[in-house]
Amino acid sequence: MSNATTREVLVMEFKDLDGKIKSIRVADPKTDLTAATVEAAMEVINDLNVFNVISGRGPATIKGAKSVQTVTNNFDIVVG
């Protein structure tokens, strides 16, 4: 018998001026998110120049977003 747990993470990806992908991950996002609300949130993040503050290089561009779900199966193993 195994116990399964599921975890969901929203991954928002941005590309900096050097072409490097930077990600912001949000654990357990709201279940009713839409592409429009995620994009709006990403625009706010970009408008705050978060990546410019980190790198000192200027604004990033929005690359995309995805919801990643992982399922972990824990097996009940008795050692003895």
Protein backbone atom coordinates (compact mmCIF):
# COMPACT_ATOMS: atom_id res chain seq x y z
CA MET A 1 0.00 0.00 0.00
CA SER A 2 1.33 3.47 -0.81
CA ASN A 3 0.39 6.96 0.25
CA ALA A 4 0.37 9.50 -2.56
CA THR A 5 0.72 13.24 -2.15
CA THR A 6 0.27 15.78 -4.92
CA ARG A 7 1.96 19.15 -5.03
CA GLU A 8 1.36 21.97 -7.50
CA VAL A 9 3.70 24.84 -8.31
CA LEU A 10 3.12 27.80 -10.62
CA VAL A 11 6.33 28.56 -12.53
CA MET A 12 6.58 32.01 -14.12
CA GLU A 13 9.52 32.38 -16.50
CA PHE A 14 11.24 35.56 -17.61
CA LYS A 15 14.19 36.11 -19.95
CA ASP A 16 16.82 38.66 -18.90
CA LEU A 17 18.90 40.80 -21.25
CA ASP A 18 21.63 38.14 -21.31
CA GLY A 19 19.09 35.60 -22.58
CA LYS A 20 19.07 33.69 -19.30
CA ILE A 21 15.79 32.30 -18.03
CA LYS A 22 14.79 33.42 -14.55
CA SER A 23 11.93 31.71 -12.75
CA ILE A 24 9.63 32.64 -9.92
CA ARG A 25 7.85 29.70 -8.32
CA VAL A 26 4.65 29.91 -6.31
CA ALA A 27 3.73 26.84 -4.28
CA ASP A 28 0.08 25.82 -4.04
CA PRO A 29 -1.35 28.52 -6.34
CA LYS A 30 -5.07 29.26 -6.40
CA THR A 31 -6.99 26.66 -8.33
CA ASP A 32 -9.00 29.19 -10.36
CA LEU A 33 -6.04 30.91 -12.05
CA THR A 34 -6.39 31.78 -15.71
CA ALA A 35 -3.76 32.63 -18.29
CA ALA A 36 -4.92 36.25 -18.14
CA THR A 37 -4.51 36.56 -14.37
CA VAL A 38 -1.07 34.92 -14.45
CA GLU A 39 0.04 37.18 -17.28
CA ALA A 40 -1.22 40.25 -15.40
CA ALA A 41 0.74 39.18 -12.32
CA MET A 42 3.85 38.66 -14.44
CA GLU A 43 3.46 42.14 -15.92
CA VAL A 44 3.32 43.62 -12.41
CA ILE A 45 6.47 41.70 -11.45
CA ASN A 46 8.19 42.94 -14.60
CA ASP A 47 7.00 46.53 -14.01
CA LEU A 48 8.61 46.39 -10.56
CA ASN A 49 11.95 45.71 -12.30
CA VAL A 50 12.60 42.75 -10.02
CA PHE A 51 15.24 41.31 -12.34
CA ASN A 52 16.82 44.71 -12.98
CA VAL A 53 17.35 45.11 -9.24
CA ILE A 54 18.96 41.67 -9.04
CA SER A 55 21.18 41.93 -12.11
CA GLY A 56 21.45 45.68 -12.56
CA ARG A 57 20.90 45.13 -16.27
CA GLY A 58 17.46 46.36 -17.24
CA PRO A 59 14.03 44.81 -17.62
CA ALA A 60 13.32 41.20 -18.46
CA THR A 61 10.74 39.91 -20.93
CA ILE A 62 7.95 37.52 -20.13
CA LYS A 63 8.75 34.06 -21.52
CA GLY A 64 5.79 32.04 -20.23
CA ALA A 65 4.20 30.27 -17.31
CA LYS A 66 3.19 26.74 -16.43
CA SER A 67 1.58 24.78 -13.68
CA VAL A 68 3.71 21.83 -12.56
CA GLN A 69 2.13 19.01 -10.59
CA THR A 70 4.17 16.31 -8.93
CA VAL A 71 2.85 13.14 -7.37
CA THR A 72 4.96 11.45 -4.72
CA ASN A 73 4.22 7.88 -3.78
CA ASN A 74 5.48 6.84 -0.38
CA PHE A 75 5.67 3.10 0.14
CA ASP A 76 4.94 1.64 3.52
CA ILE A 77 7.95 -0.59 4.06
CA VAL A 78 8.41 -2.41 7.33
CA VAL A 79 12.02 -3.16 8.21
CA GLY A 80 12.63 -5.46 11.03
